[in-house]
Protein backbone atom coordinates (compact mmCIF):
# COMPACT_ATOMS: atom_id res chain seq x y z
CA UNK A 1 0.00 0.00 0.00
CA UNK A 2 2.87 2.35 0.71
CA UNK A 3 4.18 1.83 -2.83
CA UNK A 4 0.73 2.66 -4.16
CA UNK A 5 0.75 5.84 -2.12
CA UNK A 6 4.15 6.89 -3.46
CA UNK A 7 3.13 6.03 -7.00
CA UNK A 8 0.53 8.79 -6.76
CA UNK A 9 3.21 11.46 -6.54
CA UNK A 10 2.53 14.24 -9.10
CA UNK A 11 6.15 14.23 -10.26
CA UNK A 12 5.47 15.55 -13.77
CA UNK A 13 3.29 18.55 -14.36
CA UNK A 14 2.52 17.52 -17.91
CA UNK A 15 0.70 14.43 -16.71
CA UNK A 16 -1.72 16.33 -14.49
CA UNK A 17 -5.29 16.21 -15.67
CA UNK A 18 -6.42 19.82 -15.84
CA UNK A 19 -10.05 18.83 -16.15
CA UNK A 20 -10.12 17.92 -12.46
CA UNK A 21 -10.79 20.81 -10.09
CA UNK A 22 -9.80 21.16 -6.49
CA UNK A 23 -12.69 23.58 -6.12
CA UNK A 24 -15.26 21.03 -7.28
CA UNK A 25 -17.66 19.32 -4.84
CA UNK A 26 -16.07 15.96 -5.64
CA UNK A 27 -12.64 17.13 -4.58
CA UNK A 28 -14.20 18.66 -1.51
CA UNK A 29 -15.81 15.39 -0.49
CA UNK A 30 -12.56 13.54 -1.04
CA UNK A 31 -10.79 15.93 1.27
CA UNK A 32 -13.03 15.66 4.26
CA UNK A 33 -14.31 12.12 3.67
CA UNK A 34 -17.99 13.08 3.83
CA UNK A 35 -19.12 11.38 0.61
CA UNK A 36 -19.84 7.67 0.90
CA UNK A 37 -20.28 7.46 -2.87
CA UNK A 38 -16.69 8.47 -3.53
CA UNK A 39 -15.52 5.96 -0.95
CA UNK A 40 -17.31 3.16 -2.76
CA UNK A 41 -15.74 4.03 -6.11
CA UNK A 42 -12.14 3.66 -4.99
CA UNK A 43 -10.32 1.98 -2.15
CA UNK A 44 -6.99 3.74 -2.71
CA UNK A 45 -5.93 7.31 -2.05
CA UNK A 46 -7.16 10.06 -4.34
CA UNK A 47 -4.94 12.56 -6.10
CA UNK A 48 -6.42 16.04 -6.05
CA UNK A 49 -6.25 18.24 -9.09
CA UNK A 50 -3.91 21.12 -9.88
CA UNK A 51 -6.57 23.29 -11.51
CA UNK A 52 -6.56 25.86 -8.71
CA UNK A 53 -2.82 26.41 -8.72
CA UNK A 54 -0.51 25.32 -11.56
CA UNK A 55 1.55 22.27 -10.79
CA UNK A 56 5.29 22.85 -10.48
CA UNK A 57 7.98 20.55 -11.81
CA UNK A 58 9.66 18.73 -8.94
CA UNK A 59 13.29 17.75 -9.06
CA UNK A 60 14.24 14.17 -8.58
CA UNK A 61 14.28 14.29 -4.77
CA UNK A 62 12.77 11.52 -2.70
CA UNK A 63 9.97 13.21 -0.68
CA UNK A 64 10.33 10.85 2.28
CA UNK A 65 13.87 12.03 2.97
CA UNK A 66 14.21 14.15 6.13
CA UNK A 67 15.31 17.76 5.74
CA UNK A 68 18.49 17.14 7.71
CA UNK A 69 19.76 14.73 5.05
CA UNK A 70 19.80 17.29 2.22
CA UNK A 71 21.90 20.38 1.67
CA UNK A 72 20.56 23.88 2.20
CA UNK A 73 20.35 24.42 -1.55
CA UNK A 74 18.09 21.37 -1.91
CA UNK A 75 15.81 22.08 1.07
CA UNK A 76 13.35 24.12 -0.95
CA UNK A 77 13.08 21.42 -3.64
CA UNK A 78 12.45 18.81 -0.95
CA UNK A 79 9.89 21.16 0.64
CA UNK A 80 7.99 21.41 -2.68
CA UNK A 81 8.21 17.64 -3.13
CA UNK A 82 6.72 16.97 0.30
CA UNK A 83 3.95 19.50 -0.34
CA UNK A 84 3.06 17.73 -3.58
CA UNK A 85 2.94 14.40 -1.80
CA UNK A 86 0.52 15.87 0.77
CA UNK A 87 -1.90 16.71 -2.04
CA UNK A 88 -2.98 13.08 -1.89
CA UNK A 89 -6.15 12.92 0.21
CA UNK A 90 -7.92 10.01 1.91
CA UNK A 91 -11.35 8.85 3.00
CA UNK A 92 -11.62 9.21 6.78
CA UNK A 93 -15.11 7.81 7.14
CA UNK A 94 -13.57 4.33 7.40
CA UNK A 95 -10.78 4.38 10.03
CA UNK A 96 -9.46 0.98 8.86
CA UNK A 97 -8.77 2.12 5.28
CA UNK A 98 -5.26 3.24 4.19
CA UNK A 99 -4.00 3.47 7.75
CA UNK A 100 -0.32 3.22 6.75
CA UNK A 101 -0.63 5.92 4.07
CA UNK A 102 -2.48 8.21 6.47
CA UNK A 103 0.29 7.82 9.04
CA UNK A 104 2.95 8.57 6.42
CA UNK A 105 1.12 11.73 5.34
CA UNK A 106 0.69 12.81 8.94
CA UNK A 107 4.42 12.45 9.59
CA UNK A 108 5.20 14.48 6.48
CA UNK A 109 2.78 17.23 7.58
CA UNK A 110 4.52 17.36 10.96
CA UNK A 111 7.87 17.67 9.18
CA UNK A 112 6.53 20.49 7.04
CA UNK A 113 5.20 22.34 10.08
CA UNK A 114 8.60 22.12 11.79
CA UNK A 115 10.41 23.25 8.65
CA UNK A 116 8.14 26.27 8.12
CA UNK A 117 8.46 27.37 11.74
CA UNK A 118 12.27 27.02 11.65
CA UNK A 119 12.60 29.91 9.19
CA UNK A 120 15.89 28.60 7.85
CA UNK A 121 15.33 29.36 4.14
CA UNK A 122 13.45 32.13 2.36
CA UNK A 123 10.44 30.77 0.48
CA UNK A 124 10.73 30.86 -3.29
CA UNK A 125 7.83 31.51 -5.63
CA UNK A 126 7.44 27.80 -6.59
CA UNK A 127 7.36 26.96 -2.89
CA UNK A 128 4.65 29.56 -2.24
CA UNK A 129 2.67 28.23 -5.18
CA UNK A 130 3.01 24.62 -3.94
CA UNK A 131 1.98 25.64 -0.41
CA UNK A 132 -1.17 27.39 -1.61
CA UNK A 133 -2.01 24.43 -3.83
CA UNK A 134 -1.58 21.93 -1.01
CA UNK A 135 -3.79 24.02 1.31
CA UNK A 136 -6.45 24.41 -1.39
CA UNK A 137 -6.55 20.67 -2.08
CA UNK A 138 -6.81 19.68 1.58
CA UNK A 139 -8.98 22.47 3.01
CA UNK A 140 -11.29 23.89 0.37
CA UNK A 141 -14.48 21.88 0.14
CA UNK A 142 -18.22 22.42 -0.18
CA UNK A 143 -20.22 21.66 2.94
CA UNK A 144 -23.41 19.64 2.47
CA UNK A 145 -26.69 21.49 3.10
CA UNK A 146 -27.92 21.47 6.65
CA UNK A 147 -30.30 18.61 7.27
CA UNK A 148 -32.37 20.82 9.54
CA UNK A 149 -32.14 24.61 9.21
CA UNK A 150 -31.72 26.60 12.40
CA UNK A 151 -34.61 28.85 11.46
CA UNK A 152 -36.98 25.89 11.33
CA UNK A 153 -35.70 24.62 14.66
CA UNK A 154 -36.16 28.02 16.22
CA UNK A 155 -39.73 28.33 14.94
CA UNK A 156 -40.55 24.95 16.43
CA UNK A 157 -39.44 26.12 19.87
CA UNK A 158 -36.25 24.09 20.09
CA UNK A 159 -32.97 25.53 21.35
CA UNK A 160 -30.60 24.85 18.49
CA UNK A 161 -27.66 26.49 20.27
CA UNK A 162 -27.31 23.68 22.77
CA UNK A 163 -26.71 21.01 20.15
CA UNK A 164 -23.44 19.14 20.44
CA UNK A 165 -20.75 20.38 18.01
CA UNK A 166 -19.75 18.28 15.03
CA UNK A 167 -16.16 16.99 14.89
CA UNK A 168 -14.79 16.01 11.49
CA UNK A 169 -13.05 12.62 11.28
CA UNK A 170 -10.36 14.12 9.01
CA UNK A 171 -9.32 16.66 11.65
CA UNK A 172 -6.05 14.84 12.37
CA UNK A 173 -4.83 15.99 8.94
CA UNK A 174 -6.80 19.22 8.66
CA UNK A 175 -5.39 20.54 11.92
CA UNK A 176 -1.81 20.06 10.70
CA UNK A 177 -2.59 21.76 7.38
CA UNK A 178 -4.07 24.74 9.24
CA UNK A 179 -1.01 24.83 11.50
CA UNK A 180 1.31 24.84 8.47
CA UNK A 181 -0.69 27.60 6.78
CA UNK A 182 -0.64 29.75 9.91
CA UNK A 183 3.11 29.37 10.37
CA UNK A 184 3.61 30.02 6.66
CA UNK A 185 1.61 33.27 6.68
CA UNK A 186 3.32 34.58 9.81
CA UNK A 187 6.82 33.49 8.77
CA UNK A 188 9.44 36.20 8.33
CA UNK A 189 10.78 34.20 5.36
CA UNK A 190 7.60 34.87 3.37
CA UNK A 191 7.72 37.83 0.98
CA UNK A 192 4.26 39.39 1.02
CA UNK A 193 4.81 41.01 -2.39
CA UNK A 194 5.25 37.60 -3.99
CA UNK A 195 2.72 35.72 -1.84
CA UNK A 196 -0.11 38.15 -2.61
CA UNK A 197 -0.23 36.72 -6.15
CA UNK A 198 -1.24 33.32 -4.75
CA UNK A 199 -2.98 34.28 -1.49
CA UNK A 200 -5.37 36.40 -3.52
CA UNK A 201 -9.07 37.18 -3.63
CA UNK A 202 -10.34 33.76 -4.69
CA UNK A 203 -8.15 32.08 -2.06
CA UNK A 204 -9.48 34.42 0.64
CA UNK A 205 -13.09 33.85 -0.45
CA UNK A 206 -12.66 30.09 -0.15
CA UNK A 207 -11.20 30.56 3.33
CA UNK A 208 -14.23 32.65 4.28
CA UNK A 209 -16.56 29.93 2.97
CA UNK A 210 -14.97 27.54 5.47
CA UNK A 211 -16.23 29.66 8.38
CA UNK A 212 -19.57 27.90 7.96
CA UNK A 213 -17.91 24.70 9.19
CA UNK A 214 -19.75 22.72 11.86
CA UNK A 215 -16.48 21.96 13.66
CA UNK A 216 -15.64 24.73 16.19
CA UNK A 217 -11.96 23.75 16.09
CA UNK A 218 -11.79 24.55 12.39
CA UNK A 219 -13.50 27.91 12.85
CA UNK A 220 -11.02 28.83 15.59
CA UNK A 221 -8.07 28.02 13.30
CA UNK A 222 -9.63 29.99 10.45
CA UNK A 223 -10.16 33.00 12.70
CA UNK A 224 -6.48 33.15 13.60
CA UNK A 225 -5.28 32.60 10.02
CA UNK A 226 -7.59 35.21 8.48
CA UNK A 227 -6.58 37.74 11.11
CA UNK A 228 -2.90 37.17 10.27
CA UNK A 229 -3.62 37.47 6.54
CA UNK A 230 -5.42 40.76 7.20
CA UNK A 231 -2.43 42.04 9.13
CA UNK A 232 0.23 40.95 6.61
CA UNK A 233 -1.41 41.72 3.27
CA UNK A 234 -2.49 45.35 3.48
CA UNK A 235 -3.55 45.34 -0.16
CA UNK A 236 -6.27 42.79 0.63
CA UNK A 237 -7.77 44.60 3.63
CA UNK A 238 -10.62 46.43 1.83
CA UNK A 239 -11.57 43.24 0.01
CA UNK A 240 -11.62 41.19 3.24
CA UNK A 241 -13.85 43.75 4.96
CA UNK A 242 -16.24 43.79 2.00
CA UNK A 243 -16.35 39.99 1.77
CA UNK A 244 -17.12 39.62 5.48
CA UNK A 245 -19.82 42.30 5.19
CA UNK A 246 -21.45 40.31 2.40
CA UNK A 247 -21.56 37.24 4.66
CA UNK A 248 -23.29 39.32 7.33
CA UNK A 249 -25.77 40.71 4.80
CA UNK A 250 -26.76 37.21 3.65
CA UNK A 251 -27.08 36.05 7.24
CA UNK A 252 -29.29 38.94 8.40
CA UNK A 253 -31.51 39.50 5.38
CA UNK A 254 -31.68 36.06 3.75
CA UNK A 255 -30.72 32.88 5.57
CA UNK A 256 -30.19 33.57 9.31
CA UNK A 257 -27.99 30.45 9.13
CA UNK A 258 -24.22 30.57 9.53
CA UNK A 259 -21.90 28.90 11.98
CA UNK A 260 -19.07 31.43 11.94
CA UNK A 261 -20.72 34.77 12.75
CA UNK A 262 -19.13 34.94 16.22
CA UNK A 263 -15.63 34.26 14.86
CA UNK A 264 -16.01 36.80 12.04
CA UNK A 265 -17.20 39.44 14.52
CA UNK A 266 -14.22 38.66 16.71
CA UNK A 267 -11.93 39.38 13.78
CA UNK A 268 -13.75 42.64 13.11
CA UNK A 269 -13.45 43.63 16.77
CA UNK A 270 -9.68 43.79 16.42
CA UNK A 271 -9.98 45.44 12.99
CA UNK A 272 -12.17 48.24 14.36
CA UNK A 273 -9.65 49.03 17.07
CA UNK A 274 -7.16 49.87 14.30
CA UNK A 275 -9.41 52.35 12.48
CA UNK A 276 -8.03 55.88 12.25
CA UNK A 277 -9.97 59.06 12.96
CA UNK A 278 -11.98 60.54 11.43
CA UNK A 279 -13.80 57.34 10.52
CA UNK A 280 -14.30 56.67 6.83
CA UNK A 281 -17.80 56.61 5.41
CA UNK A 282 -17.30 52.90 4.68
CA UNK A 283 -16.91 52.19 8.40
CA UNK A 284 -19.97 54.24 9.36
CA UNK A 285 -22.03 52.36 6.79
CA UNK A 286 -20.77 49.06 8.22
CA UNK A 287 -21.99 50.10 11.67
CA UNK A 288 -25.45 51.23 10.59
CA UNK A 289 -26.16 48.59 7.90
CA UNK A 290 -24.37 45.53 9.29
CA UNK A 291 -23.66 45.64 13.03
CA UNK A 292 -26.95 47.18 14.13
CA UNK A 293 -29.15 44.86 11.99
CA UNK A 294 -27.22 41.91 13.44
CA UNK A 295 -29.31 42.50 16.59
CA UNK A 296 -32.34 41.21 14.70
CA UNK A 297 -31.80 37.41 14.15
CA UNK A 298 -33.17 34.91 16.64
CA UNK A 299 -29.74 33.35 17.15
CA UNK A 300 -28.34 36.58 18.61
CA UNK A 301 -27.24 34.81 21.79
CA UNK A 302 -24.59 32.83 19.87
CA UNK A 303 -22.60 35.93 18.90
CA UNK A 304 -23.97 38.67 21.19
CA UNK A 305 -20.78 39.13 23.20
CA UNK A 306 -18.68 39.69 20.06
CA UNK A 307 -21.32 41.98 18.53
CA UNK A 308 -21.53 44.10 21.66
CA UNK A 309 -17.74 44.43 21.71
CA UNK A 310 -17.69 45.66 18.09
CA UNK A 311 -20.41 48.23 18.81
CA UNK A 312 -18.65 49.61 21.89
CA UNK A 313 -15.39 49.78 19.91
CA UNK A 314 -17.11 52.07 17.41
CA UNK A 315 -18.47 54.27 20.21
CA UNK A 316 -15.03 54.47 21.81
CA UNK A 317 -13.63 55.60 18.47
CA UNK A 318 -16.32 58.22 17.87
CA UNK A 319 -18.74 59.01 20.76
CA UNK A 320 -20.98 60.89 18.32
CA UNK A 321 -22.14 57.50 17.01
CA UNK A 322 -23.89 56.72 20.31
CA UNK A 323 -27.23 58.17 19.22
CA UNK A 324 -27.07 56.12 15.99
CA UNK A 325 -26.36 52.92 17.93
CA UNK A 326 -29.03 53.43 20.60
CA UNK A 327 -31.59 54.45 17.97
CA UNK A 328 -30.86 51.29 16.02
CA UNK A 329 -31.09 49.10 19.13
CA UNK A 330 -34.47 50.63 19.98
CA UNK A 331 -35.60 49.99 16.40
CA UNK A 332 -34.83 46.27 16.69
CA UNK A 333 -35.99 45.94 20.31
CA UNK A 334 -37.35 42.38 20.83
CA UNK A 335 -40.70 43.08 22.48
CA UNK A 336 -41.74 39.41 22.25
CA UNK A 337 -38.45 37.75 23.21
CA UNK A 338 -37.58 38.06 26.89
CA UNK A 339 -34.11 36.51 26.62
CA UNK A 340 -33.10 39.00 23.95
CA UNK A 341 -34.57 41.87 25.98
CA UNK A 342 -32.28 40.98 28.87
CA UNK A 343 -29.28 41.02 26.50
CA UNK A 344 -30.34 44.37 25.02
CA UNK A 345 -30.62 45.91 28.49
CA UNK A 346 -27.11 44.69 29.29
CA UNK A 347 -25.77 46.30 26.11
CA UNK A 348 -27.61 49.54 26.89
CA UNK A 349 -25.98 49.64 30.33
CA UNK A 350 -22.54 49.14 28.79
CA UNK A 351 -23.16 51.99 26.35
CA UNK A 352 -24.48 54.36 29.05
CA UNK A 353 -21.37 53.78 31.17
CA UNK A 354 -19.24 55.66 28.61
CA UNK A 355 -21.73 58.07 27.05
CA UNK A 356 -21.24 61.83 27.20
CA UNK A 357 -23.96 64.17 28.35
CA UNK A 358 -24.73 65.70 24.95
CA UNK A 359 -25.30 62.31 23.32
CA UNK A 360 -27.31 61.06 26.29
CA UNK A 361 -29.71 63.98 26.11
CA UNK A 362 -30.40 63.19 22.45
CA UNK A 363 -31.68 59.68 23.16
CA UNK A 364 -32.82 59.73 26.80
CA UNK A 365 -36.56 60.24 26.20
CA UNK A 366 -37.20 57.25 23.83
CA UNK A 367 -34.65 55.16 25.74
CA UNK A 368 -36.26 55.58 29.16
CA UNK A 369 -39.70 55.16 27.69
CA UNK A 370 -38.55 51.69 26.56
CA UNK A 371 -36.89 51.06 29.95
CA UNK A 372 -40.19 51.98 31.60
CA UNK A 373 -41.96 49.35 29.48
CA UNK A 374 -39.33 46.80 30.57
CA UNK A 375 -39.87 47.74 34.23
CA UNK A 376 -43.54 46.79 33.81
CA UNK A 377 -42.73 43.53 31.99
CA UNK A 378 -44.53 40.49 33.34
CA UNK A 379 -41.32 38.50 32.78
CA UNK A 380 -39.53 39.01 36.08
CA UNK A 381 -36.01 38.71 34.57
CA UNK A 382 -36.67 41.58 32.17
CA UNK A 383 -38.13 43.74 34.94
CA UNK A 384 -35.25 42.93 37.29
CA UNK A 385 -32.61 43.71 34.64
CA UNK A 386 -34.24 47.06 33.90
CA UNK A 387 -34.35 47.95 37.60
CA UNK A 388 -30.73 46.88 38.07
CA UNK A 389 -29.72 49.82 35.87
CA UNK A 390 -30.14 51.99 38.95
CA UNK A 391 -27.32 50.11 40.65
CA UNK A 392 -24.90 51.76 38.20
CA UNK A 393 -23.56 55.03 39.61
CA UNK A 394 -22.85 56.44 36.14
CA UNK A 395 -26.46 55.92 35.06
CA UNK A 396 -27.81 57.32 38.32
CA UNK A 397 -25.67 60.41 37.76
CA UNK A 398 -27.11 60.86 34.26
CA UNK A 399 -30.65 60.41 35.58
CA UNK A 400 -30.06 62.88 38.42
CA UNK A 401 -28.78 65.56 36.05
CA UNK A 402 -31.75 65.09 33.70
CA UNK A 403 -34.33 64.15 36.33
CA UNK A 404 -36.93 66.68 35.13
CA UNK A 405 -37.30 64.72 31.86
CA UNK A 406 -36.67 61.15 33.08
CA UNK A 407 -38.55 60.94 36.40
CA UNK A 408 -41.98 61.71 34.81
CA UNK A 409 -41.35 58.85 32.36
CA UNK A 410 -40.30 56.09 34.77
CA UNK A 411 -42.30 56.98 37.90
CA UNK A 412 -45.68 55.73 36.59
CA UNK A 413 -44.08 52.38 35.75
CA UNK A 414 -42.61 52.15 39.25
CA UNK A 415 -45.96 52.97 40.80
CA UNK A 416 -47.72 50.25 38.83
CA UNK A 417 -45.09 47.72 39.93
CA UNK A 418 -45.29 48.81 43.55
CA UNK A 419 -49.04 48.19 43.58
CA UNK A 420 -49.67 45.06 41.57
CA UNK A 421 -46.57 43.27 40.23
CA UNK A 422 -46.75 39.52 40.90
CA UNK A 423 -43.03 39.01 41.63
CA UNK A 424 -41.90 39.98 45.12
CA UNK A 425 -38.32 40.67 44.05
CA UNK A 426 -39.44 43.06 41.31
CA UNK A 427 -41.82 44.74 43.76
CA UNK A 428 -39.03 45.30 46.29
CA UNK A 429 -36.65 46.64 43.64
CA UNK A 430 -39.36 49.02 42.38
CA UNK A 431 -39.86 50.38 45.89
CA UNK A 432 -36.10 50.81 46.27
CA UNK A 433 -35.77 52.77 43.01
CA UNK A 434 -38.87 54.77 43.95
CA UNK A 435 -37.22 55.79 47.22
CA UNK A 436 -34.02 56.70 45.35
CA UNK A 437 -35.98 59.09 43.13
CA UNK A 438 -37.71 60.54 46.18
CA UNK A 439 -34.38 61.26 47.86
CA UNK A 440 -33.00 62.69 44.61
CA UNK A 441 -35.62 65.47 44.36
CA UNK A 442 -38.60 65.29 46.73
CA UNK A 443 -40.46 68.25 45.23
CA UNK A 444 -40.17 66.86 41.69
CA UNK A 445 -41.11 63.38 42.90
CA UNK A 446 -44.29 64.55 44.65
CA UNK A 447 -45.25 66.67 41.68
CA UNK A 448 -44.79 63.77 39.26
CA UNK A 449 -46.59 61.43 41.65
CA UNK A 450 -49.59 63.76 41.84
CA UNK A 451 -49.64 64.15 38.07
CA UNK A 452 -49.42 60.37 37.66
CA UNK A 453 -52.31 59.84 40.06
CA UNK A 454 -54.38 62.46 38.22
CA UNK A 455 -53.58 60.76 34.93
CA UNK A 456 -54.57 57.36 36.33
CA UNK A 457 -57.83 58.81 37.63
CA UNK A 458 -58.54 60.45 34.27
CA UNK A 459 -57.91 57.17 32.44
CA UNK A 460 -60.17 55.36 34.92
CA UNK A 461 -63.01 57.83 34.32
CA UNK A 462 -62.59 57.56 30.54
CA UNK A 463 -62.72 53.76 30.79
CA UNK A 464 -65.92 54.00 32.83
CA UNK A 465 -67.47 56.37 30.29
CA UNK A 466 -66.58 54.02 27.47
CA UNK A 467 -68.09 51.07 29.31
CA UNK A 468 -71.27 53.03 30.04
CA UNK A 469 -71.54 54.12 26.40
CA UNK A 470 -71.15 50.55 25.17
CA UNK A 471 -73.70 49.39 27.73
CA UNK A 472 -76.23 51.91 26.38
CA UNK A 473 -75.53 50.81 22.81
CA UNK A 474 -76.03 47.16 23.75
CA UNK A 475 -79.23 47.94 25.64
CA UNK A 476 -80.63 49.89 22.70
CA UNK A 477 -79.67 47.13 20.29
CA UNK A 478 -81.47 44.45 22.28
CA UNK A 479 -84.73 46.44 22.15
CA UNK A 480 -84.71 46.73 18.36
CA UNK A 481 -87.05 44.29 16.54
CA UNK A 482 -85.53 41.67 14.29
CA UNK A 483 -86.65 42.82 10.82
CA UNK A 484 -85.33 41.46 7.54
CA UNK A 485 -81.61 40.84 7.30
CA UNK A 486 -80.57 43.67 9.63
CA UNK A 487 -77.67 42.66 11.88
CA UNK A 488 -78.21 43.37 15.58
CA UNK A 489 -75.95 43.05 18.63
CA UNK A 490 -76.94 40.18 20.90
CA UNK A 491 -75.55 40.29 24.46
CA UNK A 492 -74.52 37.05 26.21
CA UNK A 493 -77.49 37.48 28.56
CA UNK A 494 -79.94 37.86 25.68
CA UNK A 495 -78.44 34.85 23.95
CA UNK A 496 -78.83 32.71 27.04
CA UNK A 497 -82.48 33.80 27.43
CA UNK A 498 -83.32 33.10 23.78
CA UNK A 499 -81.90 29.62 24.12
C-alpha cells in the first residue's frame, strides 16, 4: 500500500489532468471524507487536481527524505516535493482504510510544520505556489446542506444552540494543514509582495466559505489565520472587509444560518480598534447597515458578546455615534423575546457607562420610555434587569442631572409595579428605586406622583365612560325588533335567554 501511495506522486506537471478541479464538490468530499459514494468508487488514495494552482515541476528528490539529510540548496526542492505528496487525500469515514498511508502523510505534515516554523530558508515563488495548492486541495471543500435549518428549529421552539458540536473525522490531517498555513503566513521568510499573487481574492473567499464549518476547532483556526492574513497583506484589507460584510448581509436579510458569525465578529473587533480618525464613510455604513441589523436574528445569543464588543469599539472611536447605535437598538428591540430583551438591556448599560452628556440627552426620552416598558414587563427577569440599571452610579448620575425629563417617564411604571406586580423581588426593587428618586428630588417626585395619580384617575373615568356608552348601545340594540336581514348586537345574557 505504501508503494501505491508513493506512486501517486505528481512528479510531472505535464501528466496532471487539468479537467479535475480542487474547487469542485467531488474534490471537496474527497478531502473531508464526507461522501460515501466516492468511498465506494475507490479503495486507494485520491490525487487532487492542480486546476486551482498550476503544478510545479519537482526535481528528482525523494519526498520521504528528512530535511536534515539534504543540503541547504536542496531544502526548498524537498519542501515542494513533500507539499506535492501531501496533495494526496484520503477517506476518513472508514478508520481501517489506508492506515499506513495516512500515518505517512501525517508524519510528512509534521515535518513540514517544523520546517516552516524554523525559518531557515526564504520561500521561493514555486514553494509559495506549492503551499497554496496543497492548502487548497486539503482544506477547500463544499459543505453539504444542513439537514435541519436553524430557522426551522427556532420556529418549532427548540434551542438549536445547545446542540453538540460536530467533529470532522479528518481533523487529524486538517489541523496540521491549518497549523502549516498559519506558520507560513506569519513566517518572516515569506515575501508578502510575492505571496499576494497566490494568497489572492479567490483564495481568501474560499477561506471565508470555510467559516460555515460545523467543527468549532476549524473555525477557531480559520479565525487566527484570516486575522494574520489581514495584518500581513495590506492590499487585501478592503476586500476582506467587504467579503465579510457580504456574509453578514446574507445572514441577516436572507438565511439567518451561519456557523461562523461569532468568529467573524471577533476578527472585526480587532480590525475596528485599528481604524483611524476621522472614521471613513465605509466604516460608518458598516456600523449602521451591518452591526446594528445583526441585533435582529433569533440566534443573537450565539454571537452577542462579540457583537456588543464591536459596537462599543465604534463608540469608543467616535462618541458621536452613540445616538445612531441606541436608535438602532431601539428599532430592533425584541418586544416578544424576553431573553433577547435581557441582553439588550445589558448592552444599553454598557453603552451608558461611557456616554457623554450631549449624546445622552439626544436619546434619553425614547430610551427611558422603553426602559419603563421593561420595568412593567410580566417576565420578572426583564423587569429585574431594567431595575438593576439603577445600581450603576454612572447611570444614576445621568438620571439625576436630567431628572426633570426622566422621572416623569419612569415613575408611573414604578408605581404600577409597587401596587400590583406579581413578583416579590421586582416589587421590592421598584420600591427601592422609587425611594431613590424621592431622595433625589422630593419636590419633583411629589409633583410627578400627583400628576401620575391624576392621569390614572382620568384614564379610569374615561374607561368608565366608554363602558357606560357601550352598555347603552347594547341595551338599545337588544330592544330593536328583528326585521329582515338587519344585523343586531346580541348580548350574552340575551343569547342565554333566547336559548
